Amino acid sequence: MSQASPVTNQRKADYVIDSQFTERWSPRAYTGEIISEEEVMKMLEAARWAPSSNNAQPWRFVIVLRQDPEWDALFETLNPVNQVWAHKASALVAIASYQLAAKAGSPDLVANGMHAFDTGAAWAYMAMQAHLHGWSLHGIGGFNKEAGAQVLKMPADHSLQMLAAVGKRGDAAQLPDALKEREAPNARKPLSALAKRGSF
């Protein structure tokens, strides 16, 4: 099993925050270590407590461990550039959102304009919990969503948002040169470029 490569984290927060936010990042080099369903469920338990508009909780997850029969079919939906590194992930977690919700006081389902936004919050909670437990997550948007939805037998009125590769960080030497150079915590735009007071 490959050991994690040493990395230099040059991230610097503009304001004082908890270090977990600058220490969490999304590696591509994994060890191929087996993960249990229970370990993934701990990450999803954190996701369950994300903020939710009208408490609709639109997030939906499908866990596919590397030893599961569905692994190959879901893996095949990834773009080739992602297959190069994701084959060593311990699990792929499909993250989808339910597009409908019942408003308070009514049983009728209506379109939930916040379904994708809220599901993004759940993904962030999941990623942070994984980091706190010594696992790494890398979000994957580069895959065939229609094919993925078929593999996962996704019901109507759902949107497949992304896949998350789950694993223990491994040796960057196993990656192609172009990815090897990127195997470290990346920078962020300064907060002054992202937040304004009063108006844009």
Protein backbone atom coordinates (compact mmCIF):
# COMPACT_ATOMS: atom_id res chain seq x y z
CA MET A 1 0.00 0.00 0.00
CA SER A 2 1.45 3.35 -1.08
CA GLN A 3 2.29 5.90 1.57
CA ALA A 4 0.99 9.45 1.44
CA SER A 5 3.40 11.84 -0.22
CA PRO A 6 4.58 14.80 1.86
CA VAL A 7 2.87 18.01 0.82
CA THR A 8 3.47 21.66 1.59
CA ASN A 9 0.37 23.56 2.56
CA GLN A 10 0.94 27.23 1.79
CA ARG A 11 -2.66 28.25 2.36
CA LYS A 12 -3.05 31.37 4.49
CA ALA A 13 -6.44 32.58 5.68
CA ASP A 14 -7.17 36.31 5.41
CA TYR A 15 -8.98 36.14 8.77
CA VAL A 16 -8.59 33.81 11.74
CA ILE A 17 -10.54 30.57 11.19
CA ASP A 18 -10.29 26.98 12.39
CA SER A 19 -7.39 25.19 10.69
CA GLN A 20 -9.63 22.36 9.42
CA PHE A 21 -10.85 24.68 6.67
CA THR A 22 -7.39 25.32 5.23
CA GLU A 23 -6.08 21.81 5.87
CA ARG A 24 -8.85 20.00 3.95
CA TRP A 25 -8.10 19.58 0.25
CA SER A 26 -8.93 17.23 -2.62
CA PRO A 27 -6.09 14.85 -3.56
CA ARG A 28 -6.08 12.51 -6.55
CA ALA A 29 -3.49 10.00 -5.33
CA TYR A 30 -5.11 7.26 -3.27
CA THR A 31 -3.85 4.06 -1.68
CA GLY A 32 -6.63 1.74 -2.84
CA GLU A 33 -7.40 0.92 0.79
CA ILE A 34 -10.72 -0.82 1.47
CA ILE A 35 -13.32 1.27 3.28
CA SER A 36 -16.37 -0.03 5.12
CA GLU A 37 -19.92 1.11 4.49
CA GLU A 38 -20.06 2.23 8.12
CA GLU A 39 -17.12 4.58 7.61
CA VAL A 40 -18.82 6.23 4.63
CA MET A 41 -22.09 6.43 6.58
CA LYS A 42 -20.31 8.50 9.24
CA MET A 43 -19.51 11.07 6.56
CA LEU A 44 -23.10 11.03 5.35
CA GLU A 45 -24.36 11.41 8.92
CA ALA A 46 -22.55 14.76 9.01
CA ALA A 47 -24.07 15.66 5.63
CA ARG A 48 -27.54 14.90 7.02
CA TRP A 49 -27.22 17.87 9.39
CA ALA A 50 -26.50 20.49 6.73
CA PRO A 51 -28.71 23.61 6.57
CA SER A 52 -31.84 23.11 4.47
CA SER A 53 -34.41 25.51 3.05
CA ASN A 54 -37.82 24.67 4.58
CA ASN A 55 -36.06 21.62 6.05
CA ALA A 56 -36.67 19.84 2.73
CA GLN A 57 -33.35 17.93 3.00
CA PRO A 58 -33.12 17.30 -0.77
CA TRP A 59 -29.76 15.54 -0.71
CA ARG A 60 -29.63 11.89 -1.75
CA PHE A 61 -26.58 9.61 -1.74
CA VAL A 62 -25.67 6.27 -3.31
CA ILE A 63 -22.55 4.54 -1.97
CA VAL A 64 -20.56 2.30 -4.32
CA LEU A 65 -17.57 0.63 -2.67
CA ARG A 66 -14.73 -0.52 -4.93
CA GLN A 67 -15.62 -4.17 -4.20
CA ASP A 68 -19.31 -3.69 -5.12
CA PRO A 69 -20.67 -5.14 -8.38
CA GLU A 70 -21.79 -1.65 -9.47
CA TRP A 71 -18.25 -0.24 -9.26
CA ASP A 72 -17.13 -1.01 -12.82
CA ALA A 73 -20.28 0.37 -14.45
CA LEU A 74 -20.17 3.62 -12.45
CA PHE A 75 -16.41 3.96 -12.95
CA GLU A 76 -16.90 3.69 -16.71
CA THR A 77 -19.04 6.85 -16.66
CA LEU A 78 -15.99 8.93 -15.60
CA ASN A 79 -14.12 10.99 -18.15
CA PRO A 80 -10.80 9.33 -19.11
CA VAL A 81 -8.75 12.00 -17.29
CA ASN A 82 -10.58 11.13 -14.06
CA GLN A 83 -10.32 7.37 -14.60
CA VAL A 84 -6.53 7.77 -14.56
CA TRP A 85 -6.55 8.52 -10.83
CA ALA A 86 -9.99 7.50 -9.47
CA HIS A 87 -9.38 3.77 -10.00
CA LYS A 88 -7.54 3.76 -6.66
CA ALA A 89 -10.40 5.35 -4.72
CA SER A 90 -11.98 3.27 -1.95
CA ALA A 91 -15.51 4.33 -2.86
CA LEU A 92 -17.53 6.50 -5.19
CA VAL A 93 -20.45 8.33 -3.64
CA ALA A 94 -23.09 9.67 -5.99
CA ILE A 95 -24.56 12.93 -4.73
CA ALA A 96 -27.99 13.80 -6.09
CA SER A 97 -30.77 16.20 -5.18
CA TYR A 98 -34.52 15.69 -5.09
CA GLN A 99 -36.11 18.53 -7.05
CA LEU A 100 -39.46 18.63 -5.22
CA ALA A 101 -40.50 19.56 -1.68
CA ALA A 102 -43.63 20.01 0.39
CA LYS A 103 -44.04 23.50 1.78
CA ALA A 104 -44.94 23.90 5.46
CA GLY A 105 -48.60 23.13 6.11
CA SER A 106 -49.22 21.45 2.75
CA PRO A 107 -48.77 17.86 1.58
CA ASP A 108 -48.45 18.94 -2.06
CA LEU A 109 -45.04 18.66 -3.70
CA VAL A 110 -43.79 21.71 -5.57
CA ALA A 111 -40.53 22.58 -7.30
CA ASN A 112 -37.75 23.28 -4.82
CA GLY A 113 -35.56 26.01 -6.26
CA MET A 114 -32.99 25.41 -3.51
CA HIS A 115 -32.40 21.69 -4.10
CA ALA A 116 -28.96 22.03 -5.70
CA PHE A 117 -27.78 24.77 -3.35
CA ASP A 118 -28.75 22.81 -0.23
CA THR A 119 -27.19 19.62 -1.56
CA GLY A 120 -23.94 21.53 -2.04
CA ALA A 121 -24.01 22.38 1.65
CA ALA A 122 -24.45 18.69 2.49
CA TRP A 123 -21.46 17.81 0.30
CA ALA A 124 -19.34 20.33 2.20
CA TYR A 125 -20.33 18.81 5.55
CA MET A 126 -19.51 15.35 4.20
CA ALA A 127 -16.09 16.49 2.98
CA MET A 128 -15.21 18.09 6.30
CA GLN A 129 -16.26 15.03 8.30
CA ALA A 130 -14.19 12.79 6.05
CA HIS A 131 -11.16 15.04 6.61
CA LEU A 132 -11.65 14.90 10.39
CA HIS A 133 -11.65 11.07 10.20
CA GLY A 134 -8.46 10.90 8.13
CA TRP A 135 -10.12 10.27 4.75
CA SER A 136 -9.99 12.44 1.65
CA LEU A 137 -12.75 13.29 -0.80
CA HIS A 138 -12.40 14.61 -4.33
CA GLY A 139 -15.51 15.89 -6.06
CA ILE A 140 -15.93 14.76 -9.68
CA GLY A 141 -18.01 16.72 -12.15
CA GLY A 142 -16.32 15.19 -15.19
CA PHE A 143 -18.51 12.18 -15.88
CA ASN A 144 -21.49 11.20 -18.03
CA LYS A 145 -24.44 12.15 -15.85
CA GLU A 146 -27.04 10.41 -18.00
CA ALA A 147 -25.10 7.16 -17.95
CA GLY A 148 -24.46 7.55 -14.23
CA ALA A 149 -28.16 8.05 -13.54
CA GLN A 150 -28.92 4.84 -15.43
CA VAL A 151 -26.28 2.85 -13.55
CA LEU A 152 -27.66 4.12 -10.25
CA LYS A 153 -31.31 3.62 -11.27
CA MET A 154 -31.98 7.21 -10.25
CA PRO A 155 -35.70 8.03 -9.90
CA ALA A 156 -37.45 10.83 -11.77
CA ASP A 157 -37.42 14.33 -10.26
CA HIS A 158 -33.81 13.88 -9.11
CA SER A 159 -30.65 15.59 -10.39
CA LEU A 160 -27.30 13.82 -10.25
CA GLN A 161 -25.02 16.62 -9.10
CA MET A 162 -21.60 14.96 -8.81
CA LEU A 163 -19.62 11.94 -7.71
CA ALA A 164 -17.20 11.99 -4.78
CA ALA A 165 -14.12 9.78 -4.78
CA VAL A 166 -13.32 8.63 -1.23
CA GLY A 167 -9.96 7.30 -0.14
CA LYS A 168 -6.80 7.49 1.92
CA ARG A 169 -4.24 9.82 0.42
CA GLY A 170 -1.44 7.95 -1.35
CA ASP A 171 1.81 8.52 -3.20
CA ALA A 172 1.68 11.25 -5.83
CA ALA A 173 4.41 9.42 -7.79
CA GLN A 174 1.70 7.10 -9.15
CA LEU A 175 0.04 10.01 -10.97
CA PRO A 176 0.82 11.31 -14.47
CA ASP A 177 3.19 14.29 -14.46
CA ALA A 178 0.45 16.84 -15.16
CA LEU A 179 -1.54 15.69 -12.12
CA LYS A 180 1.51 15.11 -9.95
CA GLU A 181 2.33 18.82 -10.12
CA ARG A 182 -1.15 19.67 -8.79
CA GLU A 183 -1.09 17.21 -5.87
CA ALA A 184 -1.05 19.77 -3.06
CA PRO A 185 -3.56 22.11 -1.41
CA ASN A 186 -4.42 24.78 -3.96
CA ALA A 187 -4.77 28.50 -3.32
CA ARG A 188 -7.95 30.57 -3.12
CA LYS A 189 -8.80 34.04 -4.40
CA PRO A 190 -8.48 36.70 -1.71
CA LEU A 191 -11.68 37.35 0.22
CA SER A 192 -11.59 40.96 -1.00
CA ALA A 193 -12.23 39.67 -4.53
CA LEU A 194 -15.26 37.68 -3.40
CA ALA A 195 -17.07 39.76 -0.79
CA LYS A 196 -18.26 43.37 -1.04
CA ARG A 197 -20.20 45.57 1.35
CA GLY A 198 -23.47 47.12 0.25
CA SER A 199 -23.46 46.06 -3.41
CA PHE A 200 -21.45 44.25 -6.03
